[in-house]
Amino acid sequence: MHYTYQTRGTCSTKIVLDIEGDVVHNVAFTGGCNGNLQAIPKLVEGLTVEQIEQKVKGISCNGRGTSCADQLAKACREAYELSLKQ
């Protein structure tokens, strides 16, 4: 399933990803810090939603209470939960 997530509280504005079962593929960010947002998709490619959450959920950027990585964890969980309903 292809999924688009509108981020909240980060420099990036959107995350798109594909999810097959609970495995995440093809993550791409719109906006944000170019280097980090090229690295994160490569690091999480093929991981499960739970593995991504364990690694990046709760990371804060500059005291914002969230980060692009944290938003990715939220996007993956939301996509997974939605895919279960389809």
PDB file of N, CA and C in Angstrom:
ATOM      1  N   MET A   1       0.843  -1.175   0.000  1.00  0.00           N
ATOM      2  CA  MET A   1       0.000   0.000   0.000  1.00  0.00           C
ATOM      3  C   MET A   1       0.889   1.239   0.000  1.00  0.00           C
ATOM      4  N   HIS A   2       0.580   2.179  -0.817  1.00  0.00           N
ATOM      5  CA  HIS A   2       1.288   3.462  -0.873  1.00  0.00           C
ATOM      6  C   HIS A   2       0.598   4.406   0.108  1.00  0.00           C
ATOM      7  N   TYR A   3       1.381   5.156   0.895  1.00  0.00           N
ATOM      8  CA  TYR A   3       0.797   6.003   1.925  1.00  0.00           C
ATOM      9  C   TYR A   3       1.495   7.354   1.963  1.00  0.00           C
ATOM     10  N   THR A   4       0.724   8.411   2.135  1.00  0.00           N
ATOM     11  CA  THR A   4       1.258   9.762   2.279  1.00  0.00           C
ATOM     12  C   THR A   4       0.861  10.304   3.646  1.00  0.00           C
ATOM     13  N   TYR A   5       1.849  10.836   4.361  1.00  0.00           N
ATOM     14  CA  TYR A   5       1.645  11.356   5.713  1.00  0.00           C
ATOM     15  C   TYR A   5       2.069  12.820   5.749  1.00  0.00           C
ATOM     16  N   GLN A   6       1.188  13.687   6.217  1.00  0.00           N
ATOM     17  CA  GLN A   6       1.506  15.098   6.403  1.00  0.00           C
ATOM     18  C   GLN A   6       2.146  15.267   7.776  1.00  0.00           C
ATOM     19  N   THR A   7       3.392  15.707   7.793  1.00  0.00           N
ATOM     20  CA  THR A   7       4.111  15.828   9.067  1.00  0.00           C
ATOM     21  C   THR A   7       3.593  17.014   9.869  1.00  0.00           C
ATOM     22  N   ARG A   8       3.892  16.990  11.143  1.00  0.00           N
ATOM     23  CA  ARG A   8       3.493  18.058  12.056  1.00  0.00           C
ATOM     24  C   ARG A   8       4.695  18.438  12.924  1.00  0.00           C
ATOM     25  N   GLY A   9       5.043  19.722  12.946  1.00  0.00           N
ATOM     26  CA  GLY A   9       6.087  20.208  13.829  1.00  0.00           C
ATOM     27  C   GLY A   9       7.507  19.990  13.349  1.00  0.00           C
ATOM     28  N   THR A  10       7.689  19.720  12.055  1.00  0.00           N
ATOM     29  CA  THR A  10       9.033  19.484  11.526  1.00  0.00           C
ATOM     30  C   THR A  10       9.267  20.313  10.275  1.00  0.00           C
ATOM     31  N   CYS A  11      10.534  20.399   9.885  1.00  0.00           N
ATOM     32  CA  CYS A  11      10.891  21.107   8.646  1.00  0.00           C
ATOM     33  C   CYS A  11      10.371  20.361   7.427  1.00  0.00           C
ATOM     34  N   SER A  12      10.399  19.035   7.485  1.00  0.00           N
ATOM     35  CA  SER A  12       9.814  18.281   6.372  1.00  0.00           C
ATOM     36  C   SER A  12       8.302  18.450   6.424  1.00  0.00           C
ATOM     37  N   THR A  13       7.677  18.392   5.274  1.00  0.00           N
ATOM     38  CA  THR A  13       6.234  18.629   5.217  1.00  0.00           C
ATOM     39  C   THR A  13       5.430  17.379   4.893  1.00  0.00           C
ATOM     40  N   LYS A  14       6.109  16.363   4.342  1.00  0.00           N
ATOM     41  CA  LYS A  14       5.382  15.178   3.906  1.00  0.00           C
ATOM     42  C   LYS A  14       6.325  13.985   3.895  1.00  0.00           C
ATOM     43  N   ILE A  15       5.765  12.814   4.200  1.00  0.00           N
ATOM     44  CA  ILE A  15       6.481  11.548   4.080  1.00  0.00           C
ATOM     45  C   ILE A  15       5.617  10.627   3.232  1.00  0.00           C
ATOM     46  N   VAL A  16       6.216  10.011   2.237  1.00  0.00           N
ATOM     47  CA  VAL A  16       5.520   8.980   1.468  1.00  0.00           C
ATOM     48  C   VAL A  16       6.272   7.674   1.670  1.00  0.00           C
ATOM     49  N   LEU A  17       5.524   6.581   1.707  1.00  0.00           N
ATOM     50  CA  LEU A  17       6.135   5.280   1.921  1.00  0.00           C
ATOM     51  C   LEU A  17       5.230   4.203   1.369  1.00  0.00           C
ATOM     52  N   ASP A  18       5.808   3.040   1.199  1.00  0.00           N
ATOM     53  CA  ASP A  18       5.049   1.844   0.839  1.00  0.00           C
ATOM     54  C   ASP A  18       5.127   0.893   2.008  1.00  0.00           C
ATOM     55  N   ILE A  19       4.036   0.196   2.272  1.00  0.00           N
ATOM     56  CA  ILE A  19       4.010  -0.777   3.357  1.00  0.00           C
ATOM     57  C   ILE A  19       3.401  -2.073   2.834  1.00  0.00           C
ATOM     58  N   GLU A  20       4.093  -3.167   3.096  1.00  0.00           N
ATOM     59  CA  GLU A  20       3.635  -4.508   2.718  1.00  0.00           C
ATOM     60  C   GLU A  20       3.576  -5.327   3.998  1.00  0.00           C
ATOM     61  N   GLY A  21       2.362  -5.627   4.458  1.00  0.00           N
ATOM     62  CA  GLY A  21       2.237  -6.246   5.776  1.00  0.00           C
ATOM     63  C   GLY A  21       2.684  -5.227   6.800  1.00  0.00           C
ATOM     64  N   ASP A  22       3.741  -5.556   7.561  1.00  0.00           N
ATOM     65  CA  ASP A  22       4.288  -4.581   8.503  1.00  0.00           C
ATOM     66  C   ASP A  22       5.689  -4.122   8.095  1.00  0.00           C
ATOM     67  N   VAL A  23       6.066  -4.371   6.847  1.00  0.00           N
ATOM     68  CA  VAL A  23       7.403  -4.015   6.355  1.00  0.00           C
ATOM     69  C   VAL A  23       7.325  -2.744   5.508  1.00  0.00           C
ATOM     70  N   VAL A  24       8.244  -1.819   5.782  1.00  0.00           N
ATOM     71  CA  VAL A  24       8.243  -0.500   5.165  1.00  0.00           C
ATOM     72  C   VAL A  24       9.290  -0.438   4.042  1.00  0.00           C
ATOM     73  N   HIS A  25       8.890   0.180   2.920  1.00  0.00           N
ATOM     74  CA  HIS A  25       9.764   0.349   1.764  1.00  0.00           C
ATOM     75  C   HIS A  25       9.594   1.746   1.178  1.00  0.00           C
ATOM     76  N   ASN A  26      10.579   2.167   0.418  1.00  0.00           N
ATOM     77  CA  ASN A  26      10.492   3.364  -0.430  1.00  0.00           C
ATOM     78  C   ASN A  26      10.088   4.632   0.318  1.00  0.00           C
ATOM     79  N   VAL A  27      10.692   4.868   1.479  1.00  0.00           N
ATOM     80  CA  VAL A  27      10.407   6.084   2.246  1.00  0.00           C
ATOM     81  C   VAL A  27      11.023   7.287   1.531  1.00  0.00           C
ATOM     82  N   ALA A  28      10.263   8.370   1.444  1.00  0.00           N
ATOM     83  CA  ALA A  28      10.759   9.621   0.866  1.00  0.00           C
ATOM     84  C   ALA A  28      10.152  10.790   1.638  1.00  0.00           C
ATOM     85  N   PHE A  29      10.993  11.769   1.937  1.00  0.00           N
ATOM     86  CA  PHE A  29      10.569  12.968   2.641  1.00  0.00           C
ATOM     87  C   PHE A  29      10.503  14.133   1.663  1.00  0.00           C
ATOM     88  N   THR A  30       9.601  15.075   1.921  1.00  0.00           N
ATOM     89  CA  THR A  30       9.553  16.343   1.200  1.00  0.00           C
ATOM     90  C   THR A  30       9.958  17.424   2.185  1.00  0.00           C
ATOM     91  N   GLY A  31      10.967  18.214   1.824  1.00  0.00           N
ATOM     92  CA  GLY A  31      11.470  19.260   2.704  1.00  0.00           C
ATOM     93  C   GLY A  31      12.370  18.689   3.776  1.00  0.00           C
ATOM     94  N   GLY A  32      12.870  19.548   4.641  1.00  0.00           N
ATOM     95  CA  GLY A  32      13.721  19.116   5.736  1.00  0.00           C
ATOM     96  C   GLY A  32      15.197  19.162   5.392  1.00  0.00           C
ATOM     97  N   CYS A  33      16.005  18.604   6.287  1.00  0.00           N
ATOM     98  CA  CYS A  33      17.468  18.604   6.155  1.00  0.00           C
ATOM     99  C   CYS A  33      17.883  17.525   5.156  1.00  0.00           C
ATOM    100  N   ASN A  34      18.365  17.935   4.026  1.00  0.00           N
ATOM    101  CA  ASN A  34      18.621  17.046   2.908  1.00  0.00           C
ATOM    102  C   ASN A  34      19.447  15.815   3.266  1.00  0.00           C
ATOM    103  N   GLY A  35      20.563  15.990   3.940  1.00  0.00           N
ATOM    104  CA  GLY A  35      21.427  14.851   4.252  1.00  0.00           C
ATOM    105  C   GLY A  35      20.743  13.824   5.135  1.00  0.00           C
ATOM    106  N   ASN A  36      20.141  14.275   6.218  1.00  0.00           N
ATOM    107  CA  ASN A  36      19.446  13.364   7.127  1.00  0.00           C
ATOM    108  C   ASN A  36      18.310  12.643   6.429  1.00  0.00           C
ATOM    109  N   LEU A  37      17.605  13.366   5.579  1.00  0.00           N
ATOM    110  CA  LEU A  37      16.426  12.784   4.963  1.00  0.00           C
ATOM    111  C   LEU A  37      16.751  11.926   3.750  1.00  0.00           C
ATOM    112  N   GLN A  38      18.007  11.913   3.353  1.00  0.00           N
ATOM    113  CA  GLN A  38      18.466  10.904   2.401  1.00  0.00           C
ATOM    114  C   GLN A  38      18.919   9.659   3.154  1.00  0.00           C
ATOM    115  N   ALA A  39      19.506   9.861   4.340  1.00  0.00           N
ATOM    116  CA  ALA A  39      20.035   8.741   5.124  1.00  0.00           C
ATOM    117  C   ALA A  39      18.932   7.914   5.775  1.00  0.00           C
ATOM    118  N   ILE A  40      17.962   8.564   6.374  1.00  0.00           N
ATOM    119  CA  ILE A  40      16.923   7.842   7.111  1.00  0.00           C
ATOM    120  C   ILE A  40      16.230   6.787   6.250  1.00  0.00           C
ATOM    121  N   PRO A  41      15.779   7.120   5.033  1.00  0.00           N
ATOM    122  CA  PRO A  41      15.123   6.079   4.222  1.00  0.00           C
ATOM    123  C   PRO A  41      16.016   4.865   3.959  1.00  0.00           C
ATOM    124  N   LYS A  42      17.299   5.084   3.754  1.00  0.00           N
ATOM    125  CA  LYS A  42      18.208   3.966   3.515  1.00  0.00           C
ATOM    126  C   LYS A  42      18.358   3.108   4.764  1.00  0.00           C
ATOM    127  N   LEU A  43      18.352   3.730   5.925  1.00  0.00           N
ATOM    128  CA  LEU A  43      18.521   3.001   7.174  1.00  0.00           C
ATOM    129  C   LEU A  43      17.296   2.193   7.575  1.00  0.00           C
ATOM    130  N   VAL A  44      16.111   2.628   7.150  1.00  0.00           N
ATOM    131  CA  VAL A  44      14.891   1.927   7.557  1.00  0.00           C
ATOM    132  C   VAL A  44      14.320   1.015   6.479  1.00  0.00           C
ATOM    133  N   GLU A  45      14.892   1.027   5.291  1.00  0.00           N
ATOM    134  CA  GLU A  45      14.389   0.198   4.191  1.00  0.00           C
ATOM    135  C   GLU A  45      14.304  -1.268   4.611  1.00  0.00           C
ATOM    136  N   GLY A  46      13.109  -1.844   4.472  1.00  0.00           N
ATOM    137  CA  GLY A  46      12.918  -3.257   4.767  1.00  0.00           C
ATOM    138  C   GLY A  46      12.697  -3.592   6.233  1.00  0.00           C
ATOM    139  N   LEU A  47      12.674  -2.582   7.103  1.00  0.00           N
ATOM    140  CA  LEU A  47      12.403  -2.835   8.525  1.00  0.00           C
ATOM    141  C   LEU A  47      10.900  -2.905   8.769  1.00  0.00           C
ATOM    142  N   THR A  48      10.532  -3.525   9.871  1.00  0.00           N
ATOM    143  CA  THR A  48       9.127  -3.557  10.257  1.00  0.00           C
ATOM    144  C   THR A  48       8.764  -2.249  10.956  1.00  0.00           C
ATOM    145  N   VAL A  49       7.469  -2.009  11.064  1.00  0.00           N
ATOM    146  CA  VAL A  49       6.976  -0.829  11.768  1.00  0.00           C
ATOM    147  C   VAL A  49       7.520  -0.825  13.192  1.00  0.00           C
ATOM    148  N   GLU A  50       7.471  -1.952  13.863  1.00  0.00           N
ATOM    149  CA  GLU A  50       7.953  -2.035  15.244  1.00  0.00           C
ATOM    150  C   GLU A  50       9.454  -1.729  15.334  1.00  0.00           C
ATOM    151  N   GLN A  51      10.232  -2.240  14.409  1.00  0.00           N
ATOM    152  CA  GLN A  51      11.671  -1.964  14.428  1.00  0.00           C
ATOM    153  C   GLN A  51      11.937  -0.474  14.234  1.00  0.00           C
ATOM    154  N   ILE A  52      11.207   0.159  13.342  1.00  0.00           N
ATOM    155  CA  ILE A  52      11.376   1.596  13.124  1.00  0.00           C
ATOM    156  C   ILE A  52      10.987   2.364  14.376  1.00  0.00           C
ATOM    157  N   GLU A  53       9.870   2.001  14.983  1.00  0.00           N
ATOM    158  CA  GLU A  53       9.442   2.663  16.211  1.00  0.00           C
ATOM    159  C   GLU A  53      10.491   2.519  17.302  1.00  0.00           C
ATOM    160  N   GLN A  54      11.059   1.337  17.458  1.00  0.00           N
ATOM    161  CA  GLN A  54      12.078   1.109  18.483  1.00  0.00           C
ATOM    162  C   GLN A  54      13.297   1.992  18.267  1.00  0.00           C
ATOM    163  N   LYS A  55      13.647   2.251  17.029  1.00  0.00           N
ATOM    164  CA  LYS A  55      14.847   3.020  16.718  1.00  0.00           C
ATOM    165  C   LYS A  55      14.641   4.530  16.775  1.00  0.00           C
ATOM    166  N   VAL A  56      13.485   5.041  16.328  1.00  0.00           N
ATOM    167  CA  VAL A  56      13.379   6.492  16.130  1.00  0.00           C
ATOM    168  C   VAL A  56      12.198   7.178  16.817  1.00  0.00           C
ATOM    169  N   LYS A  57      11.249   6.421  17.342  1.00  0.00           N
ATOM    170  CA  LYS A  57      10.094   7.041  17.993  1.00  0.00           C
ATOM    171  C   LYS A  57      10.556   7.845  19.204  1.00  0.00           C
ATOM    172  N   GLY A  58      10.047   9.063  19.320  1.00  0.00           N
ATOM    173  CA  GLY A  58      10.349   9.898  20.473  1.00  0.00           C
ATOM    174  C   GLY A  58      11.559  10.802  20.320  1.00  0.00           C
ATOM    175  N   ILE A  59      12.284  10.706  19.212  1.00  0.00           N
ATOM    176  CA  ILE A  59      13.422  11.599  18.992  1.00  0.00           C
ATOM    177  C   ILE A  59      12.893  13.014  18.787  1.00  0.00           C
ATOM    178  N   SER A  60      13.521  13.967  19.474  1.00  0.00           N
ATOM    179  CA  SER A  60      13.112  15.362  19.379  1.00  0.00           C
ATOM    180  C   SER A  60      14.196  16.174  18.667  1.00  0.00           C
ATOM    181  N   CYS A  61      13.790  17.136  17.873  1.00  0.00           N
ATOM    182  CA  CYS A  61      14.712  18.017  17.159  1.00  0.00           C
ATOM    183  C   CYS A  61      14.562  19.439  17.704  1.00  0.00           C
ATOM    184  N   ASN A  62      15.631  19.957  18.246  1.00  0.00           N
ATOM    185  CA  ASN A  62      15.649  21.347  18.742  1.00  0.00           C
ATOM    186  C   ASN A  62      14.505  21.665  19.702  1.00  0.00           C
ATOM    187  N   GLY A  63      14.162  20.730  20.579  1.00  0.00           N
ATOM    188  CA  GLY A  63      13.143  20.966  21.588  1.00  0.00           C
ATOM    189  C   GLY A  63      11.719  21.018  21.068  1.00  0.00           C
ATOM    190  N   ARG A  64      11.489  20.544  19.856  1.00  0.00           N
ATOM    191  CA  ARG A  64      10.149  20.595  19.256  1.00  0.00           C
ATOM    192  C   ARG A  64       9.214  19.509  19.780  1.00  0.00           C
ATOM    193  N   GLY A  65       9.770  18.517  20.438  1.00  0.00           N
ATOM    194  CA  GLY A  65       8.940  17.410  20.902  1.00  0.00           C
ATOM    195  C   GLY A  65       8.731  16.350  19.850  1.00  0.00           C
ATOM    196  N   THR A  66       9.253  16.569  18.671  1.00  0.00           N
ATOM    197  CA  THR A  66       9.183  15.608  17.574  1.00  0.00           C
ATOM    198  C   THR A  66      10.357  15.870  16.649  1.00  0.00           C
ATOM    199  N   SER A  67      10.496  15.056  15.641  1.00  0.00           N
ATOM    200  CA  SER A  67      11.553  15.199  14.639  1.00  0.00           C
ATOM    201  C   SER A  67      11.075  14.505  13.373  1.00  0.00           C
ATOM    202  N   CYS A  68      11.838  14.639  12.313  1.00  0.00           N
ATOM    203  CA  CYS A  68      11.482  13.928  11.081  1.00  0.00           C
ATOM    204  C   CYS A  68      11.478  12.425  11.323  1.00  0.00           C
ATOM    205  N   ALA A  69      12.441  11.937  12.096  1.00  0.00           N
ATOM    206  CA  ALA A  69      12.498  10.504  12.403  1.00  0.00           C
ATOM    207  C   ALA A  69      11.287  10.077  13.228  1.00  0.00           C
ATOM    208  N   ASP A  70      10.925  10.869  14.229  1.00  0.00           N
ATOM    209  CA  ASP A  70       9.750  10.577  15.051  1.00  0.00           C
ATOM    210  C   ASP A  70       8.481  10.600  14.207  1.00  0.00           C
ATOM    211  N   GLN A  71       8.392  11.565  13.292  1.00  0.00           N
ATOM    212  CA  GLN A  71       7.237  11.638  12.399  1.00  0.00           C
ATOM    213  C   GLN A  71       7.183  10.413  11.492  1.00  0.00           C
ATOM    214  N   LEU A  72       8.346   9.890  11.095  1.00  0.00           N
ATOM    215  CA  LEU A  72       8.377   8.673  10.298  1.00  0.00           C
ATOM    216  C   LEU A  72       7.787   7.508  11.085  1.00  0.00           C
ATOM    217  N   ALA A  73       8.145   7.387  12.357  1.00  0.00           N
ATOM    218  CA  ALA A  73       7.584   6.315  13.185  1.00  0.00           C
ATOM    219  C   ALA A  73       6.066   6.431  13.242  1.00  0.00           C
ATOM    220  N   LYS A  74       5.568   7.639  13.386  1.00  0.00           N
ATOM    221  CA  LYS A  74       4.123   7.860  13.426  1.00  0.00           C
ATOM    222  C   LYS A  74       3.481   7.531  12.081  1.00  0.00           C
ATOM    223  N   ALA A  75       4.143   7.929  10.999  1.00  0.00           N
ATOM    224  CA  ALA A  75       3.613   7.654   9.658  1.00  0.00           C
ATOM    225  C   ALA A  75       3.530   6.155   9.410  1.00  0.00           C
ATOM    226  N   CYS A  76       4.564   5.434   9.803  1.00  0.00           N
ATOM    227  CA  CYS A  76       4.580   3.977   9.596  1.00  0.00           C
ATOM    228  C   CYS A  76       3.472   3.304  10.383  1.00  0.00           C
ATOM    229  N   ARG A  77       3.288   3.703  11.629  1.00  0.00           N
ATOM    230  CA  ARG A  77       2.232   3.115  12.459  1.00  0.00           C
ATOM    231  C   ARG A  77       0.867   3.415  11.860  1.00  0.00           C
ATOM    232  N   GLU A  78       0.658   4.655  11.449  1.00  0.00           N
ATOM    233  CA  GLU A  78      -0.627   5.049  10.870  1.00  0.00           C
ATOM    234  C   GLU A  78      -0.911   4.265   9.585  1.00  0.00           C
ATOM    235  N   ALA A  79       0.097   4.126   8.738  1.00  0.00           N
ATOM    236  CA  ALA A  79      -0.060   3.367   7.494  1.00  0.00           C
ATOM    237  C   ALA A  79      -0.377   1.911   7.784  1.00  0.00           C
ATOM    238  N   TYR A  80       0.328   1.338   8.745  1.00  0.00           N
ATOM    239  CA  TYR A  80       0.102  -0.060   9.101  1.00  0.00           C
ATOM    240  C   TYR A  80      -1.315  -0.282   9.622  1.00  0.00           C
ATOM    241  N   GLU A  81      -1.759   0.576  10.535  1.00  0.00           N
ATOM    242  CA  GLU A  81      -3.106   0.451  11.097  1.00  0.00           C
ATOM    243  C   GLU A  81      -4.170   0.599  10.003  1.00  0.00           C
ATOM    244  N   LEU A  82      -3.952   1.522   9.091  1.00  0.00           N
ATOM    245  CA  LEU A  82      -4.895   1.706   7.987  1.00  0.00           C
ATOM    246  C   LEU A  82      -4.909   0.483   7.077  1.00  0.00           C
ATOM    247  N   SER A  83      -3.749  -0.095   6.826  1.00  0.00           N
ATOM    248  CA  SER A  83      -3.680  -1.267   5.943  1.00  0.00           C
ATOM    249  C   SER A  83      -4.424  -2.464   6.532  1.00  0.00           C
ATOM    250  N   LEU A  84      -4.501  -2.552   7.841  1.00  0.00           N
ATOM    251  CA  LEU A  84      -5.222  -3.652   8.493  1.00  0.00           C
ATOM    252  C   LEU A  84      -6.722  -3.547   8.266  1.00  0.00           C
ATOM    253  N   LYS A  85      -7.200  -2.330   8.027  1.00  0.00           N
ATOM    254  CA  LYS A  85      -8.633  -2.098   7.831  1.00  0.00           C
ATOM    255  C   LYS A  85      -9.068  -2.321   6.400  1.00  0.00           C
ATOM    256  N   GLN A  86      -8.114  -2.451   5.488  1.00  0.00           N
ATOM    257  CA  GLN A  86      -8.452  -2.608   4.073  1.00  0.00           C
ATOM    258  C   GLN A  86      -8.572  -4.049   3.687  1.00  0.00           C
TER     259      GLN A  86
END
